[in-house]
Protein backbone atom coordinates (compact mmCIF):
# COMPACT_ATOMS: atom_id res chain seq x y z
CA MET A 1 -40.01 6.25 -6.54
CA GLN A 2 -40.99 3.74 -9.22
CA ALA A 3 -37.37 2.60 -9.61
CA TYR A 4 -37.16 1.95 -5.85
CA SER A 5 -40.36 -0.13 -5.84
CA ARG A 6 -39.27 -2.67 -8.45
CA PRO A 7 -38.92 -6.26 -7.10
CA ILE A 8 -35.61 -6.99 -5.39
CA LEU A 9 -33.93 -10.35 -5.97
CA GLY A 10 -33.95 -12.50 -2.85
CA LEU A 11 -36.45 -10.47 -0.82
CA SER A 12 -39.33 -12.93 -1.41
CA ALA A 13 -37.18 -15.78 -0.03
CA ILE A 14 -36.76 -14.12 3.39
CA GLN A 15 -39.07 -15.62 6.01
CA SER A 16 -38.27 -13.25 8.87
CA ALA A 17 -40.97 -10.60 9.19
CA THR A 18 -38.58 -8.55 11.36
CA PHE A 19 -35.91 -8.47 8.65
CA VAL A 20 -38.46 -7.55 5.97
CA GLU A 21 -39.68 -4.69 8.15
CA LEU A 22 -36.11 -3.50 8.65
CA PHE A 23 -35.54 -3.83 4.91
CA GLN A 24 -38.55 -1.63 4.08
CA ASP A 25 -37.45 0.93 6.65
CA TYR A 26 -34.02 0.98 5.03
CA ARG A 27 -35.61 1.45 1.59
CA LYS A 28 -37.41 4.55 2.88
CA GLU A 29 -34.16 5.83 4.37
CA LEU A 30 -32.42 5.56 0.99
CA VAL A 31 -35.24 7.52 -0.66
CA GLN A 32 -35.11 10.27 1.97
CA ALA A 33 -31.31 10.42 1.77
CA GLY A 34 -31.53 11.13 -1.99
CA TYR A 35 -29.78 8.02 -3.29
CA ASN A 36 -29.73 7.57 -7.06
CA PRO A 37 -32.27 4.79 -7.94
CA TYR A 38 -29.59 2.64 -9.57
CA VAL A 39 -27.28 2.92 -6.55
CA ALA A 40 -30.19 2.28 -4.20
CA ARG A 41 -31.01 -0.98 -6.00
CA LEU A 42 -27.40 -2.12 -5.54
CA HIS A 43 -27.79 -1.53 -1.82
CA LEU A 44 -31.16 -3.27 -1.60
CA ARG A 45 -30.05 -6.32 -3.61
CA SER A 46 -26.98 -6.67 -1.40
CA VAL A 47 -29.04 -6.38 1.80
CA ALA A 48 -31.58 -8.94 0.52
CA HIS A 49 -28.77 -11.39 -0.25
CA PHE A 50 -27.39 -10.78 3.24
CA GLY A 51 -30.83 -11.50 4.73
CA VAL A 52 -31.16 -14.81 2.87
CA TRP A 53 -27.69 -15.89 4.00
CA LEU A 54 -28.44 -14.97 7.64
CA GLU A 55 -31.48 -17.25 7.62
CA LEU A 56 -29.61 -20.13 5.98
CA GLU A 57 -26.82 -19.82 8.58
CA GLY A 58 -29.23 -19.36 11.48
CA VAL A 59 -27.63 -16.06 12.58
CA ALA A 60 -29.77 -13.95 14.92
CA LEU A 61 -30.39 -10.43 13.63
CA GLU A 62 -29.49 -8.82 16.94
CA SER A 63 -26.06 -10.46 16.95
CA ILE A 64 -24.74 -9.29 13.57
CA ASP A 65 -21.53 -7.27 13.64
CA GLU A 66 -18.41 -6.61 11.57
CA GLN A 67 -17.31 -10.22 12.00
CA THR A 68 -20.64 -11.37 10.56
CA VAL A 69 -20.12 -9.13 7.54
CA ALA A 70 -16.59 -10.53 7.06
CA THR A 71 -17.95 -14.10 7.16
CA PHE A 72 -20.61 -13.19 4.59
CA ASP A 73 -17.92 -11.71 2.36
CA ARG A 74 -15.96 -14.97 2.40
CA HIS A 75 -19.15 -16.89 1.63
CA ARG A 76 -19.82 -15.01 -1.61
CA SER A 77 -17.08 -16.80 -3.57
CA SER A 78 -19.01 -20.10 -3.25
CA CYS A 79 -22.52 -18.70 -2.84
CA ARG A 80 -25.51 -20.97 -3.47
CA CYS A 81 -28.17 -18.79 -1.86
CA PRO A 82 -31.45 -19.29 -3.82
CA GLY A 83 -32.91 -16.42 -5.82
CA THR A 84 -30.31 -13.83 -4.80
CA SER A 85 -28.12 -11.47 -6.78
CA ARG A 86 -24.83 -12.94 -7.94
CA ASP A 87 -23.08 -9.58 -7.93
CA CYS A 88 -19.46 -10.20 -6.88
CA GLY A 89 -18.36 -6.56 -6.81
CA ARG A 90 -16.52 -5.12 -3.84
CA HIS A 91 -19.34 -2.66 -3.32
CA VAL A 92 -21.60 -5.43 -1.96
CA VAL A 93 -19.81 -5.56 1.39
CA SER A 94 -19.72 -1.75 1.52
CA CYS A 95 -23.49 -1.76 1.08
CA ILE A 96 -23.88 -4.24 3.93
CA ARG A 97 -21.77 -2.07 6.22
CA VAL A 98 -23.97 0.95 5.44
CA PHE A 99 -27.01 -1.19 6.32
CA LEU A 100 -25.31 -2.26 9.55
CA ASN A 101 -24.72 1.39 10.48
CA HIS A 102 -28.41 2.01 9.76
CA LEU A 103 -29.34 -0.72 12.25
CA ARG A 104 -26.97 0.75 14.83
CA GLU A 105 -28.55 4.19 14.46
CA ARG A 106 -31.94 2.54 15.06
CA ARG A 107 -30.42 0.85 18.12
CA PHE A 108 -31.45 -2.54 16.74
CA VAL A 109 -27.80 -3.62 16.78
CA LYS A 110 -25.40 -2.64 19.53
CA THR A 111 -22.56 -0.27 18.68
CA ASN A 112 -19.12 -1.64 19.42
CA ALA A 113 -18.03 1.03 21.86
CA PRO A 114 -14.32 1.33 22.62
CA PRO A 115 -13.28 -0.35 25.86
CA GLU A 116 -13.66 1.77 28.96
CA PRO A 117 -10.32 3.26 30.03
CA SER A 118 -8.89 2.51 33.44
CA ARG A 119 -9.86 4.60 36.43
CA LEU A 120 -6.48 6.34 36.37
CA VAL A 121 -6.96 7.42 32.75
CA ARG A 122 -10.58 8.50 33.38
CA GLU A 123 -9.52 10.71 36.27
CA PHE A 124 -6.78 12.28 34.13
CA LEU A 125 -9.18 13.00 31.25
CA GLY A 126 -11.73 14.50 33.65
CA TRP A 127 -9.04 16.76 35.08
CA MET A 128 -7.95 17.81 31.59
CA SER A 129 -11.54 18.67 30.65
CA THR A 130 -12.54 20.57 33.78
CA GLN A 131 -9.25 22.15 34.83
CA ARG A 132 -7.56 22.70 31.47
CA GLY A 133 -10.60 23.16 29.18
CA VAL A 134 -9.26 20.71 26.58
CA VAL A 135 -11.64 20.04 23.66
CA ASP A 136 -13.03 16.59 22.88
CA THR A 137 -10.84 15.94 19.82
CA THR A 138 -7.67 16.51 21.85
CA LEU A 139 -9.02 14.40 24.71
CA THR A 140 -9.61 11.55 22.25
CA SER A 141 -5.96 11.63 21.19
CA TYR A 142 -4.72 11.93 24.79
CA ARG A 143 -6.92 9.03 25.83
CA ARG A 144 -5.41 6.76 23.17
CA TYR A 145 -1.80 7.54 23.99
CA VAL A 146 -2.17 7.53 27.78
CA THR A 147 -4.17 4.27 27.69
CA GLN A 148 -1.37 2.64 25.71
CA LEU A 149 1.14 3.91 28.28
CA VAL A 150 -0.83 2.50 31.22
CA ASP A 151 -1.40 -0.81 29.42
CA SER A 152 2.35 -1.07 28.82
CA LEU A 153 3.77 0.15 32.16
CA GLY A 154 0.92 -0.73 34.50
CA ASP A 155 -1.53 1.32 36.56
CA ASP A 156 0.90 2.02 39.44
CA PRO A 157 2.70 5.26 38.49
CA GLN A 158 5.06 4.88 41.46
CA THR A 159 6.86 2.18 39.46
CA TYR A 160 7.44 4.35 36.37
CA THR A 161 11.08 5.11 35.58
CA ALA A 162 12.74 7.38 33.05
CA HIS A 163 14.18 4.34 31.24
CA ASP A 164 10.76 2.67 31.01
CA LEU A 165 9.15 5.83 29.62
CA ARG A 166 11.82 6.35 26.97
CA ASP A 167 11.75 2.67 26.03
CA PHE A 168 7.94 2.75 25.69
CA VAL A 169 7.98 5.75 23.34
CA ALA A 170 10.93 4.46 21.29
CA LYS A 171 9.40 1.03 20.65
CA ARG A 172 5.70 1.86 20.43
CA TYR A 173 5.99 4.92 18.17
CA GLN A 174 9.18 4.29 16.22
CA HIS A 175 7.29 4.56 12.90
CA TYR A 176 5.75 7.97 13.75
CA GLY A 177 6.85 11.17 12.03
CA ARG A 178 8.28 14.16 13.87
CA ASN A 179 4.99 16.03 14.29
CA SER A 180 3.08 12.91 15.32
CA ILE A 181 5.63 11.94 17.96
CA ARG A 182 5.44 15.45 19.39
CA MET A 183 1.71 14.93 19.97
CA VAL A 184 2.42 11.65 21.75
CA LEU A 185 5.04 13.28 23.95
CA ALA A 186 2.72 16.17 24.79
CA ALA A 187 0.05 13.74 26.01
CA VAL A 188 2.46 11.62 28.04
CA ARG A 189 4.17 14.64 29.62
CA MET A 190 0.84 16.16 30.62
CA PHE A 191 -0.19 12.84 32.15
CA LEU A 192 3.04 12.66 34.15
CA ARG A 193 2.62 16.25 35.38
CA TYR A 194 -0.92 15.43 36.49
CA LEU A 195 0.33 12.36 38.37
CA ALA A 196 3.06 14.42 40.04
CA VAL A 197 0.58 17.09 41.16
CA GLU A 198 -1.65 14.36 42.59
CA GLY A 199 1.31 12.81 44.38
CA ARG A 200 1.08 9.55 42.47
CA CYS A 201 4.57 9.60 40.94
CA ARG A 202 7.80 11.45 41.57
CA PRO A 203 8.06 14.93 40.01
CA GLY A 204 10.23 15.62 36.98
CA LEU A 205 9.66 12.36 35.12
CA GLU A 206 8.30 14.26 32.13
CA GLN A 207 11.78 15.74 31.60
CA ALA A 208 13.03 12.28 30.65
CA LEU A 209 11.19 12.54 27.33
CA MET A 210 13.02 14.67 24.77
CA SER A 211 11.23 16.03 21.71
CA PRO A 212 12.79 15.59 18.27
CA ALA A 213 14.70 18.60 17.01
CA ASN A 214 12.48 21.27 15.53
CA TRP A 215 14.39 24.39 14.51
CA SER A 216 12.10 27.38 14.93
CA GLN A 217 11.28 29.14 11.67
CA HIS A 218 13.94 27.18 9.82
CA SER A 219 12.07 27.30 6.52
CA LEU A 220 10.08 29.76 4.47
CA PRO A 221 6.26 29.64 4.48
CA ARG A 222 5.20 27.68 1.41
CA GLY A 223 2.15 29.11 -0.31
CA LEU A 224 0.81 29.21 -3.85
CA THR A 225 1.30 31.91 -6.46
CA SER A 226 -1.56 34.09 -7.66
CA GLN A 227 -1.52 32.28 -11.02
CA GLN A 228 -1.83 28.89 -9.30
CA VAL A 229 -4.72 30.13 -7.19
CA GLN A 230 -6.56 31.38 -10.27
CA SER A 231 -6.03 28.11 -12.13
CA ILE A 232 -7.33 26.11 -9.14
CA LEU A 233 -10.50 28.21 -8.90
CA ALA A 234 -11.02 28.19 -12.67
CA ALA A 235 -10.75 24.39 -12.76
CA CYS A 236 -13.79 23.95 -10.49
CA PRO A 237 -16.60 22.61 -12.70
CA SER A 238 -20.08 24.15 -12.76
CA THR A 239 -21.59 21.02 -11.22
CA PRO A 240 -23.11 21.07 -7.70
CA ARG A 241 -19.92 19.50 -6.34
CA GLY A 242 -17.74 22.01 -8.19
CA ILE A 243 -19.80 24.92 -6.87
CA ARG A 244 -19.42 23.57 -3.33
CA ASP A 245 -15.68 23.04 -3.77
CA ARG A 246 -15.19 26.58 -5.05
CA ALA A 247 -16.91 28.04 -1.97
CA ILE A 248 -14.74 25.90 0.31
CA LEU A 249 -11.55 26.85 -1.52
CA LEU A 250 -12.32 30.57 -1.33
CA LEU A 251 -12.85 30.30 2.43
CA LEU A 252 -9.47 28.62 2.72
CA ILE A 253 -7.69 31.06 0.38
CA ARG A 254 -9.23 34.40 1.37
CA LEU A 255 -9.69 33.88 5.13
CA GLY A 256 -7.02 31.27 5.84
CA LEU A 257 -9.47 29.00 7.67
CA ARG A 258 -8.37 25.58 8.84
CA ALA A 259 -10.04 22.50 7.37
CA GLY A 260 -11.86 21.83 10.63
CA ASP A 261 -13.12 25.43 10.74
CA VAL A 262 -14.79 25.04 7.34
CA ALA A 263 -16.33 21.67 8.21
CA ALA A 264 -17.88 23.13 11.39
CA LEU A 265 -19.50 26.19 9.75
CA CYS A 266 -23.24 26.51 10.37
CA PHE A 267 -25.90 28.87 9.05
CA SER A 268 -25.93 30.69 12.38
CA ASP A 269 -22.27 31.64 11.74
CA LEU A 270 -23.14 33.57 8.57
CA SER A 271 -24.38 37.15 8.52
CA PHE A 272 -24.85 38.49 4.99
CA GLU A 273 -26.39 41.69 6.42
CA THR A 274 -23.12 42.65 8.14
CA ALA A 275 -20.88 40.73 5.68
CA THR A 276 -19.22 38.76 8.49
CA ILE A 277 -18.65 35.13 9.38
CA ARG A 278 -18.14 33.65 12.83
CA VAL A 279 -15.38 31.07 13.25
CA SER A 280 -14.75 28.87 16.28
CA GLY A 281 -11.27 27.42 16.10
CA LYS A 282 -8.69 25.82 18.37
CA GLY A 283 -9.35 25.98 22.09
CA GLY A 284 -12.91 27.19 21.52
CA ARG A 285 -11.71 30.66 20.49
CA GLU A 286 -14.49 32.45 18.64
CA VAL A 287 -13.96 35.40 16.30
CA ARG A 288 -16.01 37.19 13.69
CA LEU A 289 -14.22 37.88 10.41
CA PRO A 290 -15.20 40.09 7.45
CA LEU A 291 -16.70 38.20 4.53
CA PRO A 292 -15.06 39.21 1.23
CA GLN A 293 -17.34 39.80 -1.74
CA ASP A 294 -16.14 36.84 -3.82
CA VAL A 295 -16.45 34.48 -0.84
CA GLY A 296 -19.98 35.69 -0.14
CA ASP A 297 -20.96 35.29 -3.81
CA ALA A 298 -19.55 31.73 -3.85
CA LEU A 299 -21.47 30.82 -0.70
CA LEU A 300 -24.71 32.21 -2.12
CA ALA A 301 -24.18 30.28 -5.36
CA TYR A 302 -23.65 27.07 -3.37
CA LEU A 303 -26.72 27.62 -1.20
CA ASP A 304 -28.82 28.45 -4.25
CA THR A 305 -27.78 25.79 -6.76
CA GLY A 306 -25.18 23.45 -5.26
CA ARG A 307 -26.39 22.41 -1.83
CA PRO A 308 -28.73 19.39 -1.52
CA ARG A 309 -32.21 20.25 -0.22
CA VAL A 310 -31.92 18.57 3.15
CA GLN A 311 -32.47 19.84 6.67
CA SER A 312 -29.15 20.51 8.36
CA ASP A 313 -27.71 23.48 10.20
CA HIS A 314 -24.27 22.74 8.73
CA ILE A 315 -23.47 24.69 5.57
CA PHE A 316 -21.38 22.14 3.72
CA LEU A 317 -22.70 18.66 2.98
CA ARG A 318 -21.51 15.60 1.13
CA SER A 319 -22.12 15.87 -2.61
CA MET A 320 -23.35 12.26 -2.84
CA ALA A 321 -26.03 10.47 -0.88
CA PRO A 322 -26.38 10.27 2.01
CA PHE A 323 -26.25 14.08 2.07
CA LYS A 324 -24.78 14.54 5.53
CA PRO A 325 -22.48 17.23 6.96
CA PHE A 326 -18.77 16.81 7.49
CA THR A 327 -18.99 15.81 11.15
CA GLY A 328 -17.16 13.54 13.55
CA ALA A 329 -13.68 13.54 15.03
CA GLN A 330 -12.08 13.67 11.56
CA ALA A 331 -14.48 16.16 9.94
CA GLY A 332 -11.62 18.27 8.61
CA HIS A 333 -10.36 15.34 6.52
CA ALA A 334 -13.29 15.81 4.12
CA VAL A 335 -12.25 19.42 3.50
CA THR A 336 -8.64 18.30 3.09
CA HIS A 337 -9.83 15.83 0.44
CA VAL A 338 -11.63 18.67 -1.37
CA ALA A 339 -8.39 20.70 -1.34
CA ARG A 340 -6.24 17.86 -2.62
CA THR A 341 -8.74 17.05 -5.37
CA ALA A 342 -8.78 20.70 -6.47
CA LEU A 343 -4.98 20.83 -6.62
CA LYS A 344 -4.83 17.64 -8.66
CA ARG A 345 -7.63 18.80 -10.97
CA ALA A 346 -5.74 22.00 -11.76
CA GLY A 347 -2.43 20.19 -12.21
CA VAL A 348 -0.78 22.18 -9.42
CA GLN A 349 2.05 20.61 -7.45
CA PRO A 350 1.74 22.20 -3.98
CA PRO A 351 4.81 22.81 -1.81
CA ILE A 352 2.94 21.08 1.04
CA GLY A 353 -0.04 18.75 0.89
CA GLY A 354 -3.58 19.22 2.14
CA ALA A 355 -5.70 22.26 2.89
CA HIS A 356 -3.04 24.02 4.99
CA VAL A 357 -1.22 25.23 1.89
CA PHE A 358 -4.14 27.63 1.32
CA ARG A 359 -3.73 29.02 4.84
CA HIS A 360 -0.10 29.80 4.06
CA THR A 361 -1.25 31.32 0.77
CA ALA A 362 -3.76 33.59 2.53
CA ALA A 363 -1.08 34.91 4.90
CA CYS A 364 1.43 35.52 2.10
CA GLN A 365 -1.17 37.33 -0.02
CA MET A 366 -2.13 39.64 2.86
CA LEU A 367 1.52 40.41 3.51
CA ARG A 368 2.13 41.32 -0.14
CA GLN A 369 -0.84 43.71 0.11
CA ASP A 370 0.94 45.52 2.98
CA VAL A 371 -1.37 44.17 5.69
CA GLY A 372 0.32 44.44 9.08
CA LEU A 373 1.39 41.38 11.05
CA GLU A 374 -1.08 42.22 13.84
CA ASP A 375 -3.98 42.18 11.37
CA ILE A 376 -2.75 38.95 9.78
CA ALA A 377 -2.50 37.40 13.24
CA ALA A 378 -6.10 38.45 13.93
CA VAL A 379 -7.37 36.84 10.73
CA LEU A 380 -5.40 33.63 11.25
CA ARG A 381 -6.28 33.64 14.96
CA HIS A 382 -2.74 33.14 16.15
CA ARG A 383 -2.29 33.33 19.90
CA SER A 384 1.19 34.81 19.55
CA ILE A 385 2.50 37.39 17.10
CA GLU A 386 5.70 35.32 16.95
CA THR A 387 3.80 32.66 15.01
CA THR A 388 2.71 35.23 12.45
CA ALA A 389 6.20 36.73 12.26
CA LEU A 390 7.26 33.67 10.28
CA TYR A 391 5.54 35.18 7.24
CA ALA A 392 7.70 38.28 7.35
CA LYS A 393 10.43 36.23 5.71
CA VAL A 394 8.51 36.04 2.43
CA ASP A 395 8.43 39.83 1.96
CA LEU A 396 11.66 39.94 -0.06
CA ARG A 397 11.11 43.56 -1.06
CA LEU A 398 11.33 44.77 2.55
CA LEU A 399 14.09 42.32 3.41
CA GLU A 400 16.23 43.77 0.62
CA GLN A 401 15.95 47.19 2.23
CA VAL A 402 17.37 46.02 5.57
CA ALA A 403 19.87 43.43 4.30
CA GLN A 404 23.50 44.36 5.04
CA PRO A 405 26.37 43.73 2.59
CA TRP A 406 28.52 40.70 3.25
CA PRO A 407 31.73 41.66 5.12
CA GLU A 408 34.77 42.43 2.93
CA VAL A 409 32.63 42.51 -0.20
CA VAL A 410 32.24 45.71 -2.17
CA PRO A 411 28.51 46.53 -2.38
CA CYS A 412 27.03 46.57 -5.85
């Protein structure tokens, strides 16, 4: 606390009592969030400099936004603000943006909400939510793509043609990869089907949009070897972050969880008494899986020595202040970052990037241990056994038993 209370350059030059009050409230927030004193002083000096500049420029506190921060950033190269820090590091603007988010959470500054979609798009999204049970993350993606379609072709679906639809997709998403374009096409097709059902456009327009070729099961599942898995786990340091990462990695490796599944785990999902864990995945499907011994031990180690002492129902938190859970529309990206960091730390070159390589690894390991496809499908929460059947191709021992000799070749 003493390090936080030392005088901050520039604060005494601020005349606005409102800004000083906001500044002191922000100081308390940094303390409660567990910021390192040195890092906290960087934030406070940056905010004080920002406050002095706002007064010199006559900018109202309620009107500050991202554009204000950008203008302040340009000002720093020729700064003459009296009594302020002359720190020119890039972190200064980052500190101001954190302070701006703090003001938005306090509702002192308005949040720049995305523009309201058109009535046509709103009605489609409402139908998708109530009639189809689509989750919020999918609705967010659908909203973006369908809004772009309506902005491009207009809000009168009766005028849509097959040529216009194909031209829109080809020009607007020409830089997208195969999997990304399939998501776009799924959203647009569903929108066109909805319009057809409502009688707002002619039926069959969705058939004008062809998906890129995707040969079913054309490649082998690409997982990691047992030696690679051991080296990845062994490379986790004994620091609080390393203990957290090891628990996350074991959940990915042993149970084949998706990155978003891990980010969403809460204390209410854990039951050490029954050695089970509850997982809510795609489409709101909820299952309870057995908790292996090594996964349970890693979770207990994290809760005992690795997790910051803050109140949150989420199990996994950021390892640096502010100690918040992995939440938001892109919560799984934080877990993916943990997976990529672990792979790089161990010097392992994965066959595919991100956390999904561990899901493939979990399936391949279960198959090598003679676990049936039905049980693997239950653990991975596949809707169809055909999805799980892809992993049968990695069991070379069984494939050798059913492989037939090539015609006109004498068998060995």
